[in-house]
Protein backbone atom coordinates (compact mmCIF):
# COMPACT_ATOMS: atom_id res chain seq x y z
CA MET A 1 50.73 -39.16 1.32
CA MET A 2 49.46 -36.92 -1.49
CA ASP A 3 50.06 -33.20 -1.47
CA THR A 4 47.29 -30.64 -1.90
CA TYR A 5 47.89 -30.26 -5.63
CA GLY A 6 47.62 -33.98 -6.21
CA ILE A 7 44.37 -34.22 -4.27
CA MET A 8 42.83 -31.26 -6.11
CA ARG A 9 44.04 -32.61 -9.46
CA ALA A 10 42.48 -36.00 -8.81
CA PHE A 11 39.21 -34.34 -7.72
CA ALA A 12 39.11 -32.11 -10.80
CA ASP A 13 39.84 -35.03 -13.12
CA SER A 14 37.01 -37.16 -11.79
CA TRP A 15 34.17 -35.81 -9.66
CA PHE A 16 34.27 -32.18 -10.74
CA LEU A 17 34.19 -33.21 -14.40
CA ILE A 18 31.10 -35.31 -13.74
CA ALA A 19 29.47 -32.46 -11.79
CA MET A 20 30.14 -29.92 -14.54
CA PHE A 21 28.77 -32.30 -17.19
CA ALA A 22 25.62 -32.82 -15.12
CA PHE A 23 25.25 -29.03 -14.73
CA PHE A 24 25.60 -28.56 -18.50
CA VAL A 25 22.99 -31.21 -19.25
CA GLY A 26 20.64 -29.69 -16.65
CA ALA A 27 21.08 -26.18 -18.08
CA ALA A 28 20.45 -27.44 -21.62
CA LEU A 29 17.30 -29.30 -20.52
CA PHE A 30 16.10 -26.21 -18.67
CA ALA A 31 16.65 -23.95 -21.69
CA PHE A 32 14.98 -26.30 -24.17
CA ARG A 33 12.07 -27.46 -22.02
CA PRO A 34 8.70 -27.43 -23.82
CA GLY A 35 7.09 -24.70 -21.71
CA SER A 36 9.82 -22.12 -22.25
CA ASN A 37 9.04 -21.34 -25.90
CA LYS A 38 6.62 -18.52 -25.01
CA VAL A 39 9.11 -16.94 -22.61
CA HIS A 40 11.93 -17.06 -25.16
CA LYS A 41 9.77 -15.50 -27.89
CA ASP A 42 8.66 -12.73 -25.52
CA ILE A 43 12.24 -11.94 -24.57
CA ALA A 44 13.35 -12.01 -28.23
CA ASN A 45 10.72 -9.38 -29.13
CA ILE A 46 11.74 -6.82 -26.49
CA PRO A 47 13.52 -4.52 -29.02
CA PHE A 48 10.38 -4.33 -31.18
CA ARG A 49 7.86 -3.39 -28.48
CA HIS A 50 8.11 0.37 -29.06
CA GLU A 51 8.44 0.70 -32.83
CA ASP A 52 6.40 3.95 -33.01
CA LYS A 53 8.25 5.93 -30.37
CA PRO A 54 11.06 5.35 -27.90
CA ALA A 55 10.22 3.99 -24.50
CA GLY A 56 9.70 6.66 -21.87
CA ASP A 57 11.86 7.19 -18.82
CA ARG A 58 10.75 5.45 -15.65
CA ASP A 59 12.04 8.13 -13.27
């Protein structure tokens, strides 16, 4: 019978590797989907929104 380490090692070497690869592919597809270009450009321009004066406090 296998010990706990052997079971976890076998799981990490097979199924967890496949799951992490699938997560990576899903995250990459989500980041580079066609509709996200506008969102990424808007987020990239946040530092340049208040070029004339600093942003006010929201308190």
